[in-house]
């Protein structure tokens, strides 16, 4: 009887310690159905892309909080603002890169900055990076070759939804 009690206490202690010291839950639950889109002009308020994505994901609330002209470096230099914008989000959708290229950043610098931005998320936030539309085939762009047309937003939104679903299911 004493051995059984010791074994039970040991097992209970193991799970208690594991729960207290674990930084991520074993069974991931999405924090909430709020998507915060942050980054550049592709996800600024009034964005056609966000409008189209919202139509495809009616069970989610999507906030467009991108800022025209922002780069990964600018967001890293404004970490408090970045953290404030993404606080409360279950999913952080990051659209960035075109302005970095225009500023002369290399792919390696951009990717390192994206990883540093990703590190600012809470453990229970899902991170989804979306590629600049100009880097994708089959997406209609405006005359500037950077921004989406309405039909381009309609073409890109299903790809983003698929990426969001994939990231959630891989948690």
C-alpha atoms as a PDB file:
ATOM      1  CA  UNK A   1       0.000   0.000   0.000  1.00  0.00           C
ATOM      2  CA  UNK A   2       2.802   2.429   0.847  1.00  0.00           C
ATOM      3  CA  UNK A   3       4.549   1.651  -2.458  1.00  0.00           C
ATOM      4  CA  UNK A   4       1.330   2.358  -4.366  1.00  0.00           C
ATOM      5  CA  UNK A   5       0.913   5.695  -2.562  1.00  0.00           C
ATOM      6  CA  UNK A   6       4.516   6.658  -3.340  1.00  0.00           C
ATOM      7  CA  UNK A   7       4.057   5.735  -6.998  1.00  0.00           C
ATOM      8  CA  UNK A   8       0.819   7.753  -7.215  1.00  0.00           C
ATOM      9  CA  UNK A   9       2.461  10.764  -5.549  1.00  0.00           C
ATOM     10  CA  UNK A  10       5.372  10.488  -7.975  1.00  0.00           C
ATOM     11  CA  UNK A  11       3.083  10.367 -11.009  1.00  0.00           C
ATOM     12  CA  UNK A  12       0.993  13.297  -9.744  1.00  0.00           C
ATOM     13  CA  UNK A  13       4.152  15.319  -9.025  1.00  0.00           C
ATOM     14  CA  UNK A  14       5.485  14.601 -12.507  1.00  0.00           C
ATOM     15  CA  UNK A  15       2.347  15.928 -14.200  1.00  0.00           C
ATOM     16  CA  UNK A  16       2.116  18.919 -11.853  1.00  0.00           C
ATOM     17  CA  UNK A  17       5.751  19.874 -12.559  1.00  0.00           C
ATOM     18  CA  UNK A  18       5.286  19.288 -16.280  1.00  0.00           C
ATOM     19  CA  UNK A  19       2.202  21.541 -16.352  1.00  0.00           C
ATOM     20  CA  UNK A  20       3.905  24.316 -14.387  1.00  0.00           C
ATOM     21  CA  UNK A  21       7.148  24.274 -16.414  1.00  0.00           C
ATOM     22  CA  UNK A  22       5.667  23.778 -19.880  1.00  0.00           C
ATOM     23  CA  UNK A  23       5.587  26.953 -21.984  1.00  0.00           C
ATOM     24  CA  UNK A  24       3.064  25.562 -24.488  1.00  0.00           C
ATOM     25  CA  UNK A  25      -0.048  23.535 -23.838  1.00  0.00           C
ATOM     26  CA  UNK A  26       0.019  19.959 -25.101  1.00  0.00           C
ATOM     27  CA  UNK A  27      -3.377  20.314 -26.749  1.00  0.00           C
ATOM     28  CA  UNK A  28      -3.345  23.638 -28.550  1.00  0.00           C
ATOM     29  CA  UNK A  29      -6.558  25.626 -28.513  1.00  0.00           C
ATOM     30  CA  UNK A  30      -6.847  28.732 -30.626  1.00  0.00           C
ATOM     31  CA  UNK A  31      -6.875  31.723 -28.297  1.00  0.00           C
ATOM     32  CA  UNK A  32      -9.836  33.276 -30.127  1.00  0.00           C
ATOM     33  CA  UNK A  33     -11.219  33.897 -33.601  1.00  0.00           C
ATOM     34  CA  UNK A  34      -9.542  37.270 -33.998  1.00  0.00           C
ATOM     35  CA  UNK A  35      -7.111  37.751 -36.865  1.00  0.00           C
ATOM     36  CA  UNK A  36      -4.950  40.848 -36.783  1.00  0.00           C
ATOM     37  CA  UNK A  37      -3.377  41.646 -40.137  1.00  0.00           C
ATOM     38  CA  UNK A  38      -0.301  43.800 -39.667  1.00  0.00           C
ATOM     39  CA  UNK A  39       2.491  44.897 -41.950  1.00  0.00           C
ATOM     40  CA  UNK A  40       2.318  47.071 -45.044  1.00  0.00           C
ATOM     41  CA  UNK A  41      -0.303  48.538 -47.396  1.00  0.00           C
ATOM     42  CA  UNK A  42      -1.613  45.135 -48.489  1.00  0.00           C
ATOM     43  CA  UNK A  43      -3.323  44.846 -45.087  1.00  0.00           C
ATOM     44  CA  UNK A  44      -4.059  48.476 -44.253  1.00  0.00           C
ATOM     45  CA  UNK A  45      -7.594  49.536 -43.275  1.00  0.00           C
ATOM     46  CA  UNK A  46      -9.910  49.387 -46.291  1.00  0.00           C
ATOM     47  CA  UNK A  47      -7.745  46.782 -48.017  1.00  0.00           C
ATOM     48  CA  UNK A  48      -9.543  44.762 -50.685  1.00  0.00           C
ATOM     49  CA  UNK A  49      -7.525  41.723 -49.609  1.00  0.00           C
ATOM     50  CA  UNK A  50      -8.834  41.885 -46.049  1.00  0.00           C
ATOM     51  CA  UNK A  51     -12.378  42.439 -47.330  1.00  0.00           C
ATOM     52  CA  UNK A  52     -12.139  39.327 -49.522  1.00  0.00           C
ATOM     53  CA  UNK A  53     -10.549  37.274 -46.742  1.00  0.00           C
ATOM     54  CA  UNK A  54     -13.342  38.291 -44.343  1.00  0.00           C
ATOM     55  CA  UNK A  55     -15.933  37.000 -46.843  1.00  0.00           C
ATOM     56  CA  UNK A  56     -14.159  33.617 -46.885  1.00  0.00           C
ATOM     57  CA  UNK A  57     -13.780  33.449 -43.099  1.00  0.00           C
ATOM     58  CA  UNK A  58     -17.050  34.757 -41.623  1.00  0.00           C
ATOM     59  CA  UNK A  59     -16.457  33.023 -38.271  1.00  0.00           C
ATOM     60  CA  UNK A  60     -13.382  35.192 -37.714  1.00  0.00           C
ATOM     61  CA  UNK A  61     -13.057  38.884 -36.957  1.00  0.00           C
ATOM     62  CA  UNK A  62     -10.287  40.331 -39.098  1.00  0.00           C
ATOM     63  CA  UNK A  63      -8.686  43.657 -38.222  1.00  0.00           C
ATOM     64  CA  UNK A  64      -6.595  45.381 -40.884  1.00  0.00           C
ATOM     65  CA  UNK A  65      -3.821  47.228 -39.056  1.00  0.00           C
ATOM     66  CA  UNK A  66      -1.122  47.490 -41.710  1.00  0.00           C
ATOM     67  CA  UNK A  67       0.608  50.788 -42.455  1.00  0.00           C
ATOM     68  CA  UNK A  68       1.504  51.911 -45.970  1.00  0.00           C
ATOM     69  CA  UNK A  69       5.258  52.014 -46.515  1.00  0.00           C
ATOM     70  CA  UNK A  70       6.230  50.012 -43.429  1.00  0.00           C
ATOM     71  CA  UNK A  71       9.186  47.641 -43.554  1.00  0.00           C
ATOM     72  CA  UNK A  72      10.315  44.823 -41.278  1.00  0.00           C
ATOM     73  CA  UNK A  73      13.000  47.127 -39.880  1.00  0.00           C
ATOM     74  CA  UNK A  74      10.470  49.843 -39.117  1.00  0.00           C
ATOM     75  CA  UNK A  75       8.247  47.368 -37.262  1.00  0.00           C
ATOM     76  CA  UNK A  76      11.268  46.073 -35.302  1.00  0.00           C
ATOM     77  CA  UNK A  77      12.126  49.662 -34.361  1.00  0.00           C
ATOM     78  CA  UNK A  78       8.499  50.054 -33.191  1.00  0.00           C
ATOM     79  CA  UNK A  79       8.200  46.833 -31.187  1.00  0.00           C
ATOM     80  CA  UNK A  80       5.862  48.369 -28.603  1.00  0.00           C
ATOM     81  CA  UNK A  81       3.475  49.464 -31.361  1.00  0.00           C
ATOM     82  CA  UNK A  82       3.737  46.056 -33.052  1.00  0.00           C
ATOM     83  CA  UNK A  83       2.986  44.242 -29.762  1.00  0.00           C
ATOM     84  CA  UNK A  84       0.103  46.630 -29.052  1.00  0.00           C
ATOM     85  CA  UNK A  85      -1.449  45.997 -32.474  1.00  0.00           C
ATOM     86  CA  UNK A  86      -1.251  42.206 -32.172  1.00  0.00           C
ATOM     87  CA  UNK A  87      -2.294  41.946 -28.516  1.00  0.00           C
ATOM     88  CA  UNK A  88      -5.505  40.014 -28.168  1.00  0.00           C
ATOM     89  CA  UNK A  89      -5.171  38.311 -31.557  1.00  0.00           C
ATOM     90  CA  UNK A  90      -5.491  34.567 -31.899  1.00  0.00           C
ATOM     91  CA  UNK A  91      -3.854  34.759 -35.312  1.00  0.00           C
ATOM     92  CA  UNK A  92      -1.289  37.289 -36.497  1.00  0.00           C
ATOM     93  CA  UNK A  93      -1.206  37.673 -40.270  1.00  0.00           C
ATOM     94  CA  UNK A  94       1.976  39.429 -41.405  1.00  0.00           C
ATOM     95  CA  UNK A  95       2.151  40.991 -44.854  1.00  0.00           C
ATOM     96  CA  UNK A  96       5.519  42.586 -45.441  1.00  0.00           C
ATOM     97  CA  UNK A  97       8.478  42.561 -47.796  1.00  0.00           C
ATOM     98  CA  UNK A  98       7.865  44.791 -50.816  1.00  0.00           C
ATOM     99  CA  UNK A  99       8.992  47.950 -49.033  1.00  0.00           C
ATOM    100  CA  UNK A 100      12.041  46.137 -47.665  1.00  0.00           C
ATOM    101  CA  UNK A 101      13.117  45.211 -51.185  1.00  0.00           C
ATOM    102  CA  UNK A 102      12.612  48.842 -52.282  1.00  0.00           C
ATOM    103  CA  UNK A 103      14.802  49.913 -49.322  1.00  0.00           C
ATOM    104  CA  UNK A 104      17.606  47.627 -50.515  1.00  0.00           C
ATOM    105  CA  UNK A 105      17.240  44.836 -47.943  1.00  0.00           C
ATOM    106  CA  UNK A 106      18.403  41.370 -48.914  1.00  0.00           C
ATOM    107  CA  UNK A 107      16.190  38.302 -48.681  1.00  0.00           C
ATOM    108  CA  UNK A 108      18.301  37.107 -45.742  1.00  0.00           C
ATOM    109  CA  UNK A 109      17.830  40.404 -43.885  1.00  0.00           C
ATOM    110  CA  UNK A 110      14.084  40.367 -44.529  1.00  0.00           C
ATOM    111  CA  UNK A 111      13.738  36.746 -43.375  1.00  0.00           C
ATOM    112  CA  UNK A 112      15.784  37.447 -40.212  1.00  0.00           C
ATOM    113  CA  UNK A 113      13.574  40.455 -39.443  1.00  0.00           C
ATOM    114  CA  UNK A 114      10.421  38.388 -39.981  1.00  0.00           C
ATOM    115  CA  UNK A 115      11.742  35.790 -37.523  1.00  0.00           C
ATOM    116  CA  UNK A 116      12.453  38.576 -35.008  1.00  0.00           C
ATOM    117  CA  UNK A 117       8.915  39.883 -35.418  1.00  0.00           C
ATOM    118  CA  UNK A 118       7.555  36.361 -35.020  1.00  0.00           C
ATOM    119  CA  UNK A 119       9.480  36.065 -31.734  1.00  0.00           C
ATOM    120  CA  UNK A 120       7.393  38.963 -30.350  1.00  0.00           C
ATOM    121  CA  UNK A 121       4.208  36.873 -30.428  1.00  0.00           C
ATOM    122  CA  UNK A 122       2.795  35.157 -27.364  1.00  0.00           C
ATOM    123  CA  UNK A 123       3.158  31.360 -27.290  1.00  0.00           C
ATOM    124  CA  UNK A 124      -0.540  30.849 -28.010  1.00  0.00           C
ATOM    125  CA  UNK A 125      -0.729  33.146 -31.030  1.00  0.00           C
ATOM    126  CA  UNK A 126      -0.655  31.585 -34.480  1.00  0.00           C
ATOM    127  CA  UNK A 127       1.744  33.291 -36.915  1.00  0.00           C
ATOM    128  CA  UNK A 128       0.975  33.386 -40.638  1.00  0.00           C
ATOM    129  CA  UNK A 129       3.297  35.155 -43.077  1.00  0.00           C
ATOM    130  CA  UNK A 130       1.917  35.993 -46.492  1.00  0.00           C
ATOM    131  CA  UNK A 131       4.192  36.600 -49.445  1.00  0.00           C
ATOM    132  CA  UNK A 132       4.083  39.905 -51.294  1.00  0.00           C
ATOM    133  CA  UNK A 133       1.520  39.435 -54.087  1.00  0.00           C
ATOM    134  CA  UNK A 134       4.005  40.445 -56.809  1.00  0.00           C
ATOM    135  CA  UNK A 135       6.027  37.296 -56.018  1.00  0.00           C
ATOM    136  CA  UNK A 136       3.124  34.983 -56.856  1.00  0.00           C
ATOM    137  CA  UNK A 137       1.801  33.745 -60.173  1.00  0.00           C
ATOM    138  CA  UNK A 138      -1.833  34.036 -61.178  1.00  0.00           C
ATOM    139  CA  UNK A 139      -2.531  37.160 -59.101  1.00  0.00           C
ATOM    140  CA  UNK A 140      -3.779  40.312 -60.845  1.00  0.00           C
ATOM    141  CA  UNK A 141      -1.807  43.387 -59.858  1.00  0.00           C
ATOM    142  CA  UNK A 142      -2.517  47.086 -60.302  1.00  0.00           C
ATOM    143  CA  UNK A 143      -0.520  49.139 -62.800  1.00  0.00           C
ATOM    144  CA  UNK A 144       2.185  49.788 -60.181  1.00  0.00           C
ATOM    145  CA  UNK A 145       3.048  46.063 -60.239  1.00  0.00           C
ATOM    146  CA  UNK A 146       2.844  45.866 -56.435  1.00  0.00           C
ATOM    147  CA  UNK A 147      -0.706  46.333 -55.192  1.00  0.00           C
ATOM    148  CA  UNK A 148      -3.647  44.044 -55.834  1.00  0.00           C
ATOM    149  CA  UNK A 149      -6.597  44.785 -58.038  1.00  0.00           C
ATOM    150  CA  UNK A 150     -10.016  43.737 -56.694  1.00  0.00           C
ATOM    151  CA  UNK A 151      -9.796  40.546 -58.774  1.00  0.00           C
ATOM    152  CA  UNK A 152      -6.233  40.023 -57.505  1.00  0.00           C
ATOM    153  CA  UNK A 153      -7.546  40.211 -53.932  1.00  0.00           C
ATOM    154  CA  UNK A 154     -10.227  37.671 -54.853  1.00  0.00           C
ATOM    155  CA  UNK A 155      -7.519  35.387 -56.259  1.00  0.00           C
ATOM    156  CA  UNK A 156      -5.137  35.761 -53.304  1.00  0.00           C
ATOM    157  CA  UNK A 157      -7.612  35.551 -50.394  1.00  0.00           C
ATOM    158  CA  UNK A 158      -8.357  31.795 -50.815  1.00  0.00           C
ATOM    159  CA  UNK A 159      -4.604  31.057 -50.732  1.00  0.00           C
ATOM    160  CA  UNK A 160      -4.272  33.005 -47.500  1.00  0.00           C
ATOM    161  CA  UNK A 161      -7.266  31.237 -45.972  1.00  0.00           C
ATOM    162  CA  UNK A 162      -5.663  27.905 -46.866  1.00  0.00           C
ATOM    163  CA  UNK A 163      -2.406  29.005 -45.231  1.00  0.00           C
ATOM    164  CA  UNK A 164      -4.223  30.104 -42.053  1.00  0.00           C
ATOM    165  CA  UNK A 165      -6.079  26.777 -41.820  1.00  0.00           C
ATOM    166  CA  UNK A 166      -2.784  24.928 -42.389  1.00  0.00           C
ATOM    167  CA  UNK A 167      -0.988  26.862 -39.627  1.00  0.00           C
ATOM    168  CA  UNK A 168      -3.831  26.295 -37.158  1.00  0.00           C
ATOM    169  CA  UNK A 169      -3.937  22.552 -37.894  1.00  0.00           C
ATOM    170  CA  UNK A 170      -0.160  22.241 -37.454  1.00  0.00           C
ATOM    171  CA  UNK A 171      -0.226  23.571 -33.882  1.00  0.00           C
END
